[in-house]
C-alpha atoms as a PDB file:
ATOM      1  CA  UNK A   1     -16.826   3.273 -11.344  1.00  0.00           C
ATOM      2  CA  UNK A   2     -18.152   4.638  -8.079  1.00  0.00           C
ATOM      3  CA  UNK A   3     -16.763   1.629  -6.177  1.00  0.00           C
ATOM      4  CA  UNK A   4     -13.359   2.235  -7.726  1.00  0.00           C
ATOM      5  CA  UNK A   5     -13.494   5.911  -6.747  1.00  0.00           C
ATOM      6  CA  UNK A   6     -14.505   5.083  -3.169  1.00  0.00           C
ATOM      7  CA  UNK A   7     -11.701   2.552  -2.885  1.00  0.00           C
ATOM      8  CA  UNK A   8      -9.248   5.119  -4.322  1.00  0.00           C
ATOM      9  CA  UNK A   9     -10.337   7.666  -1.718  1.00  0.00           C
ATOM     10  CA  UNK A  10      -9.958   5.136   1.099  1.00  0.00           C
ATOM     11  CA  UNK A  11      -6.540   4.054  -0.162  1.00  0.00           C
ATOM     12  CA  UNK A  12      -5.480   7.695  -0.337  1.00  0.00           C
ATOM     13  CA  UNK A  13      -6.492   8.231   3.292  1.00  0.00           C
ATOM     14  CA  UNK A  14      -4.769   4.999   4.333  1.00  0.00           C
ATOM     15  CA  UNK A  15      -1.606   6.128   2.531  1.00  0.00           C
ATOM     16  CA  UNK A  16      -1.638   9.417   4.423  1.00  0.00           C
ATOM     17  CA  UNK A  17      -2.073   7.570   7.718  1.00  0.00           C
ATOM     18  CA  UNK A  18       0.897   5.337   6.895  1.00  0.00           C
ATOM     19  CA  UNK A  19       2.931   8.414   5.957  1.00  0.00           C
ATOM     20  CA  UNK A  20       2.128  10.010   9.314  1.00  0.00           C
ATOM     21  CA  UNK A  21       3.035   6.777  11.118  1.00  0.00           C
ATOM     22  CA  UNK A  22       6.329   6.586   9.221  1.00  0.00           C
ATOM     23  CA  UNK A  23       7.079  10.210  10.075  1.00  0.00           C
ATOM     24  CA  UNK A  24       6.385   9.658  13.760  1.00  0.00           C
ATOM     25  CA  UNK A  25       8.618   6.595  13.642  1.00  0.00           C
ATOM     26  CA  UNK A  26      11.576   8.618  12.419  1.00  0.00           C
ATOM     27  CA  UNK A  27      11.535   7.644   8.739  1.00  0.00           C
ATOM     28  CA  UNK A  28      13.420   9.919   6.333  1.00  0.00           C
ATOM     29  CA  UNK A  29      11.480  12.811   4.849  1.00  0.00           C
ATOM     30  CA  UNK A  30      11.942  11.358   1.350  1.00  0.00           C
ATOM     31  CA  UNK A  31       9.943   8.250   2.313  1.00  0.00           C
ATOM     32  CA  UNK A  32       7.109  10.318   3.766  1.00  0.00           C
ATOM     33  CA  UNK A  33       7.110  12.635   0.749  1.00  0.00           C
ATOM     34  CA  UNK A  34       6.938   9.715  -1.702  1.00  0.00           C
ATOM     35  CA  UNK A  35       3.953   8.246   0.149  1.00  0.00           C
ATOM     36  CA  UNK A  36       2.251  11.657   0.226  1.00  0.00           C
ATOM     37  CA  UNK A  37       2.759  12.064  -3.538  1.00  0.00           C
ATOM     38  CA  UNK A  38       1.167   8.654  -4.097  1.00  0.00           C
ATOM     39  CA  UNK A  39      -1.783   9.592  -1.899  1.00  0.00           C
ATOM     40  CA  UNK A  40      -2.178  12.876  -3.775  1.00  0.00           C
ATOM     41  CA  UNK A  41      -2.311  11.043  -7.113  1.00  0.00           C
ATOM     42  CA  UNK A  42      -5.331   9.071  -5.941  1.00  0.00           C
ATOM     43  CA  UNK A  43      -6.935  12.005  -4.149  1.00  0.00           C
ATOM     44  CA  UNK A  44      -6.973  14.026  -7.372  1.00  0.00           C
ATOM     45  CA  UNK A  45      -9.126  11.534  -9.302  1.00  0.00           C
ATOM     46  CA  UNK A  46     -11.299  10.159  -6.482  1.00  0.00           C
ATOM     47  CA  UNK A  47     -13.949  12.927  -6.315  1.00  0.00           C
ATOM     48  CA  UNK A  48     -14.729  12.983 -10.056  1.00  0.00           C
ATOM     49  CA  UNK A  49     -16.967  10.578 -11.979  1.00  0.00           C
ATOM     50  CA  UNK A  50     -15.334   8.866 -14.955  1.00  0.00           C
ATOM     51  CA  UNK A  51     -18.033   7.529 -17.284  1.00  0.00           C
ATOM     52  CA  UNK A  52     -16.028   7.851 -20.530  1.00  0.00           C
ATOM     53  CA  UNK A  53     -12.928   5.866 -21.580  1.00  0.00           C
ATOM     54  CA  UNK A  54     -10.533   8.879 -21.606  1.00  0.00           C
ATOM     55  CA  UNK A  55     -11.527   9.758 -18.045  1.00  0.00           C
ATOM     56  CA  UNK A  56     -11.192   6.108 -17.023  1.00  0.00           C
ATOM     57  CA  UNK A  57      -7.673   6.020 -18.452  1.00  0.00           C
ATOM     58  CA  UNK A  58      -6.791   9.020 -16.287  1.00  0.00           C
ATOM     59  CA  UNK A  59      -7.933   7.029 -13.258  1.00  0.00           C
ATOM     60  CA  UNK A  60      -5.754   4.133 -14.440  1.00  0.00           C
ATOM     61  CA  UNK A  61      -2.709   6.410 -14.762  1.00  0.00           C
ATOM     62  CA  UNK A  62      -3.341   7.845 -11.299  1.00  0.00           C
ATOM     63  CA  UNK A  63      -3.466   4.325  -9.844  1.00  0.00           C
ATOM     64  CA  UNK A  64      -0.226   3.411 -11.598  1.00  0.00           C
ATOM     65  CA  UNK A  65       1.394   6.616 -10.299  1.00  0.00           C
ATOM     66  CA  UNK A  66       0.314   5.694  -6.763  1.00  0.00           C
ATOM     67  CA  UNK A  67       1.898   2.253  -7.066  1.00  0.00           C
ATOM     68  CA  UNK A  68       5.104   3.765  -8.472  1.00  0.00           C
ATOM     69  CA  UNK A  69       5.327   6.322  -5.657  1.00  0.00           C
ATOM     70  CA  UNK A  70       4.784   3.667  -2.988  1.00  0.00           C
ATOM     71  CA  UNK A  71       7.425   1.451  -4.648  1.00  0.00           C
ATOM     72  CA  UNK A  72       9.904   4.343  -4.494  1.00  0.00           C
ATOM     73  CA  UNK A  73       9.007   4.864  -0.835  1.00  0.00           C
ATOM     74  CA  UNK A  74       9.573   1.157  -0.155  1.00  0.00           C
ATOM     75  CA  UNK A  75      13.002   1.235  -1.791  1.00  0.00           C
ATOM     76  CA  UNK A  76      13.940   4.325   0.214  1.00  0.00           C
ATOM     77  CA  UNK A  77      12.647   2.704   3.412  1.00  0.00           C
ATOM     78  CA  UNK A  78      14.734  -0.415   2.790  1.00  0.00           C
ATOM     79  CA  UNK A  79      17.777   1.793   2.210  1.00  0.00           C
ATOM     80  CA  UNK A  80      17.041   3.595   5.477  1.00  0.00           C
ATOM     81  CA  UNK A  81      16.705   0.241   7.286  1.00  0.00           C
ATOM     82  CA  UNK A  82      13.102   0.698   8.367  1.00  0.00           C
ATOM     83  CA  UNK A  83      11.541  -1.771  10.777  1.00  0.00           C
ATOM     84  CA  UNK A  84       9.578  -4.772   9.577  1.00  0.00           C
ATOM     85  CA  UNK A  85       6.097  -3.441  10.520  1.00  0.00           C
ATOM     86  CA  UNK A  86       6.741  -0.242   8.574  1.00  0.00           C
ATOM     87  CA  UNK A  87       7.945  -2.175   5.531  1.00  0.00           C
ATOM     88  CA  UNK A  88       4.921  -4.437   5.882  1.00  0.00           C
ATOM     89  CA  UNK A  89       2.592  -1.456   5.783  1.00  0.00           C
ATOM     90  CA  UNK A  90       4.279  -0.271   2.582  1.00  0.00           C
ATOM     91  CA  UNK A  91       3.881  -3.736   1.068  1.00  0.00           C
ATOM     92  CA  UNK A  92       0.188  -3.681   2.004  1.00  0.00           C
ATOM     93  CA  UNK A  93      -0.174  -0.322   0.243  1.00  0.00           C
ATOM     94  CA  UNK A  94       1.586  -1.809  -2.787  1.00  0.00           C
ATOM     95  CA  UNK A  95      -0.773  -4.782  -2.868  1.00  0.00           C
ATOM     96  CA  UNK A  96      -3.884  -2.634  -2.488  1.00  0.00           C
ATOM     97  CA  UNK A  97      -2.615  -0.192  -5.111  1.00  0.00           C
ATOM     98  CA  UNK A  98      -1.869  -3.067  -7.472  1.00  0.00           C
ATOM     99  CA  UNK A  99      -5.393  -4.429  -7.013  1.00  0.00           C
ATOM    100  CA  UNK A 100      -6.826  -0.976  -7.629  1.00  0.00           C
ATOM    101  CA  UNK A 101      -4.687  -0.606 -10.767  1.00  0.00           C
ATOM    102  CA  UNK A 102      -5.828  -4.003 -12.038  1.00  0.00           C
ATOM    103  CA  UNK A 103      -9.475  -3.039 -11.541  1.00  0.00           C
ATOM    104  CA  UNK A 104      -8.904   0.300 -13.272  1.00  0.00           C
ATOM    105  CA  UNK A 105      -7.172  -1.514 -16.149  1.00  0.00           C
ATOM    106  CA  UNK A 106     -10.105  -3.917 -16.512  1.00  0.00           C
ATOM    107  CA  UNK A 107     -12.638  -1.070 -16.720  1.00  0.00           C
ATOM    108  CA  UNK A 108     -10.625   1.445 -18.746  1.00  0.00           C
ATOM    109  CA  UNK A 109     -12.524   0.984 -22.047  1.00  0.00           C
ATOM    110  CA  UNK A 110     -16.065   0.643 -20.712  1.00  0.00           C
ATOM    111  CA  UNK A 111     -18.680   3.099 -21.881  1.00  0.00           C
ATOM    112  CA  UNK A 112     -22.297   3.754 -21.015  1.00  0.00           C
ATOM    113  CA  UNK A 113     -25.085   2.566 -23.258  1.00  0.00           C
ATOM    114  CA  UNK A 114     -27.900   5.077 -23.498  1.00  0.00           C
ATOM    115  CA  UNK A 115     -31.202   3.724 -22.320  1.00  0.00           C
ATOM    116  CA  UNK A 116     -29.615   1.058 -20.119  1.00  0.00           C
ATOM    117  CA  UNK A 117     -29.221   2.911 -16.844  1.00  0.00           C
ATOM    118  CA  UNK A 118     -26.083   1.763 -15.092  1.00  0.00           C
ATOM    119  CA  UNK A 119     -25.232  -0.999 -17.604  1.00  0.00           C
ATOM    120  CA  UNK A 120     -21.707  -1.011 -19.001  1.00  0.00           C
ATOM    121  CA  UNK A 121     -20.139  -2.869 -21.929  1.00  0.00           C
ATOM    122  CA  UNK A 122     -16.616  -3.513 -23.096  1.00  0.00           C
END
């Protein structure tokens, strides 16, 4: 789970950097706000360990919320006729968020076994 949390933190930072780049490029405020909301969803769960299934499901929902927010930002950017590099960066965020969501989905029901330090089961 620590790898997932580190990747979520990095994706959150990358999302904020893309939001700043979009803002400097003259993108509408709605696009920047949607990206910032997606980054905030990941930033909320990244610092906390999630060893139990309910906590892991919260991480999954945060990842799904990030993907949804970036998808909304992409639709708004297409409507605002954003340039191809800016749309490409949004698509990259969508792909990375989708991969993160898939990993969170795969590990959502894992639980620790006492006496087996660091070993997880399904």
